Structure formats: structure tokens, C-alpha cells
């Protein structure tokens, strides 16, 4: 994904939280890096920061191609910590989805389908 078009695809918003200039740039670059690593076809993404008491709540939604939307929420004392934790959770969802799609292809044996007696030891 080219960084020129990334502003239209990835929205970074906040309520009662000052983001500055570096945080939206960090968020866009990190989401682009993770999306390219797993599927490479980012349709849209949104990051929303809000304040909950003395903590920052970060909600991250990522849409990859025709897959269902992946969402993660994180609560931390710092905006960067909240975003990075939410991104890790979303990356874990994407990694598991990719593994699920890869393992369900025809021609690959399913571990649950192999009887215990015939399994190699």
C-alpha cells in the first residue's frame, strides 16, 4: 500500500484526547505494516481514542478484503501503549485467520480428522 493513499483508508480520531502529529502517523504506518504482513489487502481501518478516567481507551477496527472486520480494544495510561496493545490483538486475530484459511485448503490433512491410532508418533 502506498503511503500517499493511506490517509483515506486509515482514519484516526479521538474524543477529549490530544493526538499530536506523530501518533496518527505512527498508527497509519503500523497498521499498514501489519496488514501487508498477513494479507496485504487493507480495505479500511479506523482508530478511535477516548478518555476513561485517567486511562486512554483505544478501539481499532481493521477490514481486510472480504474478511469480517477485526476489532480490538485496549486500555492504558498512554496513547501509544493503548494503540500498540490493540494492534497486537488485531495482529493475533489476523494471524489466526490466515492460519485457519491456509489449513482448510483441500489436500492438507486436518489434525482432527486423523484417527489417533494412525497418527505418527
N, C-alpha and C. Protein backbone atom coordinates (compact mmCIF):
# COMPACT_ATOMS: atom_id res chain seq x y z
N UNK A 1 0.84 -1.17 0.00
CA UNK A 1 0.00 0.00 0.00
C UNK A 1 0.89 1.23 0.00
N UNK A 2 0.57 2.17 -0.83
CA UNK A 2 1.35 3.40 -0.92
C UNK A 2 0.95 4.34 0.20
N UNK A 3 1.91 5.02 0.75
CA UNK A 3 1.65 5.90 1.88
C UNK A 3 0.89 7.16 1.48
N UNK A 4 0.82 7.48 0.18
CA UNK A 4 0.06 8.66 -0.25
C UNK A 4 -1.44 8.45 -0.04
N UNK A 5 -1.94 7.24 -0.25
CA UNK A 5 -3.37 6.95 -0.14
C UNK A 5 -3.77 6.45 1.23
N UNK A 6 -2.84 6.35 2.13
CA UNK A 6 -3.12 5.73 3.42
C UNK A 6 -4.04 6.60 4.29
N UNK A 7 -4.03 7.93 4.09
CA UNK A 7 -4.89 8.80 4.89
C UNK A 7 -6.36 8.55 4.62
N UNK A 8 -6.71 8.16 3.40
CA UNK A 8 -8.11 7.89 3.06
C UNK A 8 -8.58 6.54 3.58
N UNK A 9 -7.67 5.59 3.70
CA UNK A 9 -8.03 4.23 4.08
C UNK A 9 -8.03 4.07 5.60
N UNK A 10 -7.11 4.72 6.29
CA UNK A 10 -6.98 4.58 7.74
C UNK A 10 -7.35 5.90 8.41
N UNK A 11 -8.43 5.89 9.19
CA UNK A 11 -8.88 7.10 9.89
C UNK A 11 -8.45 7.01 11.36
N UNK A 12 -7.90 8.09 11.86
CA UNK A 12 -7.50 8.18 13.26
C UNK A 12 -8.26 9.35 13.87
N UNK A 13 -9.10 9.05 14.88
CA UNK A 13 -9.93 10.08 15.51
C UNK A 13 -9.82 9.96 17.02
N UNK A 14 -10.27 11.02 17.71
CA UNK A 14 -10.25 10.99 19.17
C UNK A 14 -11.36 11.86 19.73
N UNK A 15 -11.67 11.60 20.99
CA UNK A 15 -12.61 12.42 21.75
C UNK A 15 -11.92 12.78 23.06
N UNK A 16 -11.74 14.05 23.30
CA UNK A 16 -11.12 14.56 24.53
C UNK A 16 -9.68 14.10 24.72
N UNK A 17 -9.00 13.73 23.62
CA UNK A 17 -7.61 13.31 23.72
C UNK A 17 -6.83 14.05 22.63
N UNK A 18 -5.75 14.71 23.03
CA UNK A 18 -4.89 15.40 22.06
C UNK A 18 -3.92 14.39 21.46
N UNK A 19 -3.99 14.19 20.14
CA UNK A 19 -3.18 13.17 19.48
C UNK A 19 -1.84 13.69 19.00
N UNK A 20 -1.74 14.94 18.67
CA UNK A 20 -0.49 15.48 18.12
C UNK A 20 -0.34 15.06 16.67
N UNK A 21 0.84 15.19 16.13
CA UNK A 21 1.09 14.84 14.74
C UNK A 21 1.73 13.46 14.60
N UNK A 22 2.50 13.05 15.58
CA UNK A 22 3.25 11.79 15.46
C UNK A 22 2.38 10.55 15.67
N UNK A 23 1.40 10.61 16.56
CA UNK A 23 0.59 9.43 16.85
C UNK A 23 -0.23 8.97 15.65
N UNK A 24 -0.94 9.84 14.92
CA UNK A 24 -1.66 9.35 13.74
C UNK A 24 -0.73 8.77 12.68
N UNK A 25 0.45 9.37 12.52
CA UNK A 25 1.42 8.84 11.56
C UNK A 25 1.91 7.46 12.00
N UNK A 26 2.21 7.31 13.28
CA UNK A 26 2.63 6.01 13.83
C UNK A 26 1.54 4.96 13.65
N UNK A 27 0.30 5.35 13.92
CA UNK A 27 -0.82 4.42 13.79
C UNK A 27 -0.99 3.98 12.34
N UNK A 28 -0.95 4.89 11.41
CA UNK A 28 -1.14 4.54 9.99
C UNK A 28 -0.02 3.63 9.49
N UNK A 29 1.22 3.97 9.84
CA UNK A 29 2.34 3.15 9.38
C UNK A 29 2.30 1.75 9.99
N UNK A 30 1.95 1.65 11.26
CA UNK A 30 1.90 0.36 11.94
C UNK A 30 0.79 -0.53 11.37
N UNK A 31 -0.37 0.05 11.12
CA UNK A 31 -1.47 -0.72 10.56
C UNK A 31 -1.13 -1.18 9.14
N UNK A 32 -0.50 -0.32 8.36
CA UNK A 32 -0.10 -0.70 7.00
C UNK A 32 0.92 -1.83 7.03
N UNK A 33 1.87 -1.77 7.97
CA UNK A 33 2.89 -2.81 8.09
C UNK A 33 2.27 -4.15 8.46
N UNK A 34 1.36 -4.16 9.44
CA UNK A 34 0.72 -5.40 9.88
C UNK A 34 -0.19 -5.96 8.78
N UNK A 35 -0.91 -5.10 8.09
CA UNK A 35 -1.81 -5.59 7.05
C UNK A 35 -1.04 -6.20 5.89
N UNK A 36 0.10 -5.61 5.53
CA UNK A 36 0.92 -6.17 4.46
C UNK A 36 1.53 -7.49 4.88
N UNK A 37 1.84 -7.64 6.15
CA UNK A 37 2.46 -8.86 6.64
C UNK A 37 1.53 -10.06 6.52
N UNK A 38 0.24 -9.87 6.80
CA UNK A 38 -0.67 -11.01 6.85
C UNK A 38 -1.48 -11.20 5.57
N UNK A 39 -2.09 -10.15 5.04
CA UNK A 39 -2.92 -10.31 3.85
C UNK A 39 -2.55 -9.35 2.73
N UNK A 40 -2.14 -8.16 3.05
CA UNK A 40 -1.73 -7.20 2.04
C UNK A 40 -2.85 -6.48 1.34
N UNK A 41 -4.07 -6.71 1.72
CA UNK A 41 -5.21 -6.11 1.04
C UNK A 41 -6.09 -5.37 2.04
N UNK A 42 -5.62 -4.26 2.55
CA UNK A 42 -6.35 -3.48 3.53
C UNK A 42 -7.47 -2.70 2.85
N UNK A 43 -8.70 -2.96 3.26
CA UNK A 43 -9.84 -2.23 2.71
C UNK A 43 -10.05 -0.93 3.46
N UNK A 44 -10.13 -1.02 4.78
CA UNK A 44 -10.28 0.18 5.60
C UNK A 44 -9.87 -0.13 7.04
N UNK A 45 -9.56 0.92 7.76
CA UNK A 45 -9.21 0.78 9.18
C UNK A 45 -9.56 2.08 9.89
N UNK A 46 -9.92 1.94 11.15
CA UNK A 46 -10.20 3.12 11.95
C UNK A 46 -9.64 2.92 13.35
N UNK A 47 -9.09 4.00 13.89
CA UNK A 47 -8.55 4.01 15.24
C UNK A 47 -9.27 5.13 15.97
N UNK A 48 -9.79 4.82 17.16
CA UNK A 48 -10.53 5.81 17.93
C UNK A 48 -10.00 5.83 19.36
N UNK A 49 -9.56 6.99 19.79
CA UNK A 49 -9.06 7.17 21.15
C UNK A 49 -10.08 7.94 21.97
N UNK A 50 -10.30 7.49 23.21
CA UNK A 50 -11.18 8.21 24.12
C UNK A 50 -10.61 8.10 25.53
N UNK A 51 -11.04 8.98 26.38
CA UNK A 51 -10.53 9.01 27.75
C UNK A 51 -11.54 8.31 28.67
N UNK A 52 -11.02 7.42 29.53
CA UNK A 52 -11.83 6.76 30.55
C UNK A 52 -11.13 6.96 31.88
N UNK A 53 -11.55 7.96 32.59
CA UNK A 53 -10.88 8.30 33.85
C UNK A 53 -9.49 8.82 33.56
N UNK A 54 -8.49 8.21 34.18
CA UNK A 54 -7.11 8.63 33.92
C UNK A 54 -6.45 7.77 32.84
N UNK A 55 -7.21 6.87 32.22
CA UNK A 55 -6.68 5.99 31.19
C UNK A 55 -7.17 6.39 29.80
N UNK A 56 -6.47 5.90 28.79
CA UNK A 56 -6.84 6.12 27.40
C UNK A 56 -7.37 4.81 26.84
N UNK A 57 -8.53 4.86 26.21
CA UNK A 57 -9.12 3.69 25.57
C UNK A 57 -8.88 3.80 24.07
N UNK A 58 -8.34 2.75 23.47
CA UNK A 58 -8.09 2.73 22.03
C UNK A 58 -8.91 1.60 21.41
N UNK A 59 -9.72 1.94 20.42
CA UNK A 59 -10.50 0.95 19.70
C UNK A 59 -9.98 0.92 18.26
N UNK A 60 -9.62 -0.26 17.80
CA UNK A 60 -9.05 -0.44 16.47
C UNK A 60 -9.93 -1.40 15.68
N UNK A 61 -10.38 -0.98 14.51
CA UNK A 61 -11.16 -1.80 13.60
C UNK A 61 -10.42 -1.90 12.27
N UNK A 62 -10.22 -3.13 11.79
CA UNK A 62 -9.49 -3.36 10.54
C UNK A 62 -10.32 -4.26 9.65
N UNK A 63 -10.52 -3.84 8.40
CA UNK A 63 -11.24 -4.62 7.39
C UNK A 63 -10.24 -5.03 6.32
N UNK A 64 -10.05 -6.33 6.17
CA UNK A 64 -9.11 -6.88 5.18
C UNK A 64 -9.89 -7.59 4.09
N UNK A 65 -9.91 -7.03 2.90
CA UNK A 65 -10.57 -7.66 1.76
C UNK A 65 -12.00 -8.04 2.07
N UNK A 66 -12.34 -9.32 1.82
CA UNK A 66 -13.69 -9.81 2.04
C UNK A 66 -13.86 -10.45 3.41
N UNK A 67 -12.85 -10.41 4.25
CA UNK A 67 -12.95 -11.00 5.59
C UNK A 67 -13.81 -10.13 6.48
N UNK A 68 -14.28 -10.72 7.58
CA UNK A 68 -15.06 -9.94 8.54
C UNK A 68 -14.14 -8.94 9.23
N UNK A 69 -14.74 -7.92 9.80
CA UNK A 69 -13.98 -6.86 10.45
C UNK A 69 -13.33 -7.41 11.72
N UNK A 70 -12.06 -7.10 11.90
CA UNK A 70 -11.32 -7.48 13.10
C UNK A 70 -11.30 -6.27 14.03
N UNK A 71 -11.66 -6.46 15.29
CA UNK A 71 -11.72 -5.37 16.25
C UNK A 71 -10.95 -5.71 17.51
N UNK A 72 -10.37 -4.69 18.10
CA UNK A 72 -9.68 -4.86 19.37
C UNK A 72 -9.77 -3.56 20.16
N UNK A 73 -9.83 -3.70 21.47
CA UNK A 73 -9.90 -2.55 22.37
C UNK A 73 -8.83 -2.71 23.43
N UNK A 74 -8.22 -1.60 23.80
CA UNK A 74 -7.17 -1.64 24.82
C UNK A 74 -7.28 -0.41 25.71
N UNK A 75 -6.95 -0.59 26.97
CA UNK A 75 -6.99 0.48 27.95
C UNK A 75 -5.60 0.60 28.57
N UNK A 76 -5.00 1.79 28.49
CA UNK A 76 -3.65 2.00 29.01
C UNK A 76 -3.50 3.46 29.45
N UNK A 77 -2.48 3.74 30.26
CA UNK A 77 -2.28 5.12 30.70
C UNK A 77 -1.73 6.04 29.61
N UNK A 78 -1.22 5.47 28.52
CA UNK A 78 -0.60 6.25 27.45
C UNK A 78 -1.25 5.89 26.11
N UNK A 79 -1.36 6.85 25.21
CA UNK A 79 -1.97 6.61 23.89
C UNK A 79 -1.19 5.57 23.09
N UNK A 80 0.12 5.67 23.12
CA UNK A 80 0.94 4.74 22.34
C UNK A 80 0.82 3.31 22.88
N UNK A 81 0.82 3.16 24.20
CA UNK A 81 0.65 1.83 24.79
C UNK A 81 -0.71 1.25 24.43
N UNK A 82 -1.74 2.05 24.51
CA UNK A 82 -3.09 1.58 24.19
C UNK A 82 -3.17 1.16 22.73
N UNK A 83 -2.61 1.97 21.83
CA UNK A 83 -2.65 1.62 20.42
C UNK A 83 -1.85 0.37 20.13
N UNK A 84 -0.63 0.27 20.66
CA UNK A 84 0.22 -0.89 20.38
C UNK A 84 -0.40 -2.18 20.89
N UNK A 85 -1.05 -2.14 22.05
CA UNK A 85 -1.72 -3.33 22.58
C UNK A 85 -2.91 -3.72 21.70
N UNK A 86 -3.69 -2.75 21.28
CA UNK A 86 -4.83 -3.04 20.39
C UNK A 86 -4.33 -3.58 19.05
N UNK A 87 -3.22 -3.06 18.55
CA UNK A 87 -2.65 -3.55 17.29
C UNK A 87 -2.15 -4.98 17.43
N UNK A 88 -1.54 -5.31 18.57
CA UNK A 88 -1.10 -6.69 18.81
C UNK A 88 -2.28 -7.65 18.83
N UNK A 89 -3.38 -7.24 19.45
CA UNK A 89 -4.57 -8.08 19.49
C UNK A 89 -5.15 -8.29 18.09
N UNK A 90 -5.18 -7.23 17.30
CA UNK A 90 -5.69 -7.34 15.94
C UNK A 90 -4.77 -8.20 15.08
N UNK A 91 -3.46 -8.04 15.25
CA UNK A 91 -2.50 -8.86 14.51
C UNK A 91 -2.66 -10.34 14.85
N UNK A 92 -2.94 -10.63 16.11
CA UNK A 92 -3.15 -12.02 16.52
C UNK A 92 -4.40 -12.58 15.83
N UNK A 93 -5.46 -11.78 15.73
CA UNK A 93 -6.68 -12.22 15.04
C UNK A 93 -6.39 -12.48 13.56
N UNK A 94 -5.63 -11.59 12.93
CA UNK A 94 -5.29 -11.76 11.52
C UNK A 94 -4.42 -12.99 11.30
N UNK A 95 -3.47 -13.22 12.18
CA UNK A 95 -2.60 -14.39 12.08
C UNK A 95 -3.40 -15.68 12.21
N UNK A 96 -4.32 -15.71 13.16
CA UNK A 96 -5.15 -16.91 13.34
C UNK A 96 -6.08 -17.13 12.15
N UNK A 97 -6.62 -16.05 11.59
CA UNK A 97 -7.49 -16.17 10.43
C UNK A 97 -6.72 -16.68 9.23
N UNK A 98 -5.51 -16.19 9.03
CA UNK A 98 -4.69 -16.64 7.91
C UNK A 98 -4.34 -18.12 8.06
N UNK A 99 -4.01 -18.53 9.27
CA UNK A 99 -3.70 -19.94 9.52
C UNK A 99 -4.94 -20.81 9.29
N UNK A 100 -6.09 -20.33 9.72
CA UNK A 100 -7.34 -21.08 9.52
C UNK A 100 -7.64 -21.24 8.03
N UNK A 101 -7.49 -20.19 7.26
CA UNK A 101 -7.74 -20.26 5.82
C UNK A 101 -6.72 -21.15 5.12
N UNK A 102 -5.48 -21.07 5.53
CA UNK A 102 -4.42 -21.88 4.92
C UNK A 102 -4.61 -23.35 5.24
N UNK A 103 -4.98 -23.69 6.47
CA UNK A 103 -5.13 -25.08 6.88
C UNK A 103 -6.41 -25.73 6.39
N UNK A 104 -7.38 -24.93 5.95
CA UNK A 104 -8.64 -25.51 5.49
C UNK A 104 -8.65 -25.77 3.98
N UNK A 105 -7.52 -25.56 3.30
CA UNK A 105 -7.45 -25.82 1.87
C UNK A 105 -7.54 -27.32 1.62
N UNK A 106 -8.11 -27.73 0.47
CA UNK A 106 -8.14 -29.16 0.16
C UNK A 106 -6.73 -29.68 -0.08
N UNK A 107 -6.51 -30.94 0.25
CA UNK A 107 -5.21 -31.53 0.04
C UNK A 107 -4.34 -31.51 1.28
N UNK A 108 -4.74 -30.80 2.28
CA UNK A 108 -3.99 -30.77 3.54
C UNK A 108 -4.75 -31.58 4.57
N UNK A 109 -4.10 -32.49 5.25
CA UNK A 109 -4.81 -33.27 6.26
C UNK A 109 -5.17 -32.40 7.46
N UNK A 110 -6.35 -32.62 7.96
CA UNK A 110 -6.82 -31.92 9.13
C UNK A 110 -6.43 -32.74 10.36
N UNK A 111 -5.86 -32.15 11.36
CA UNK A 111 -5.41 -32.89 12.53
C UNK A 111 -6.56 -33.59 13.23
N UNK A 112 -7.74 -32.98 13.24
CA UNK A 112 -8.88 -33.58 13.92
C UNK A 112 -9.42 -34.77 13.14
N UNK A 113 -9.18 -34.82 11.84
CA UNK A 113 -9.72 -35.90 11.01
C UNK A 113 -8.86 -37.15 11.05
N UNK A 114 -7.62 -37.07 11.51
CA UNK A 114 -6.73 -38.23 11.56
C UNK A 114 -7.03 -39.03 12.82
N UNK A 115 -7.38 -40.31 12.68
CA UNK A 115 -7.64 -41.12 13.88
C UNK A 115 -6.36 -41.24 14.71
N UNK A 116 -6.53 -41.39 16.01
CA UNK A 116 -5.39 -41.43 16.92
C UNK A 116 -4.49 -42.62 16.65
N UNK A 117 -5.06 -43.75 16.30
CA UNK A 117 -4.25 -44.96 16.09
C UNK A 117 -3.32 -44.82 14.88
N UNK A 118 -3.74 -44.11 13.82
CA UNK A 118 -2.93 -43.98 12.63
C UNK A 118 -1.99 -42.80 12.66
N UNK A 119 -2.09 -42.00 13.69
CA UNK A 119 -1.22 -40.82 13.78
C UNK A 119 0.22 -41.26 14.06
N UNK A 120 1.14 -40.54 13.47
CA UNK A 120 2.55 -40.86 13.69
C UNK A 120 2.97 -40.43 15.08
N UNK A 121 3.87 -41.18 15.65
CA UNK A 121 4.34 -40.87 16.98
C UNK A 121 5.75 -40.34 16.91
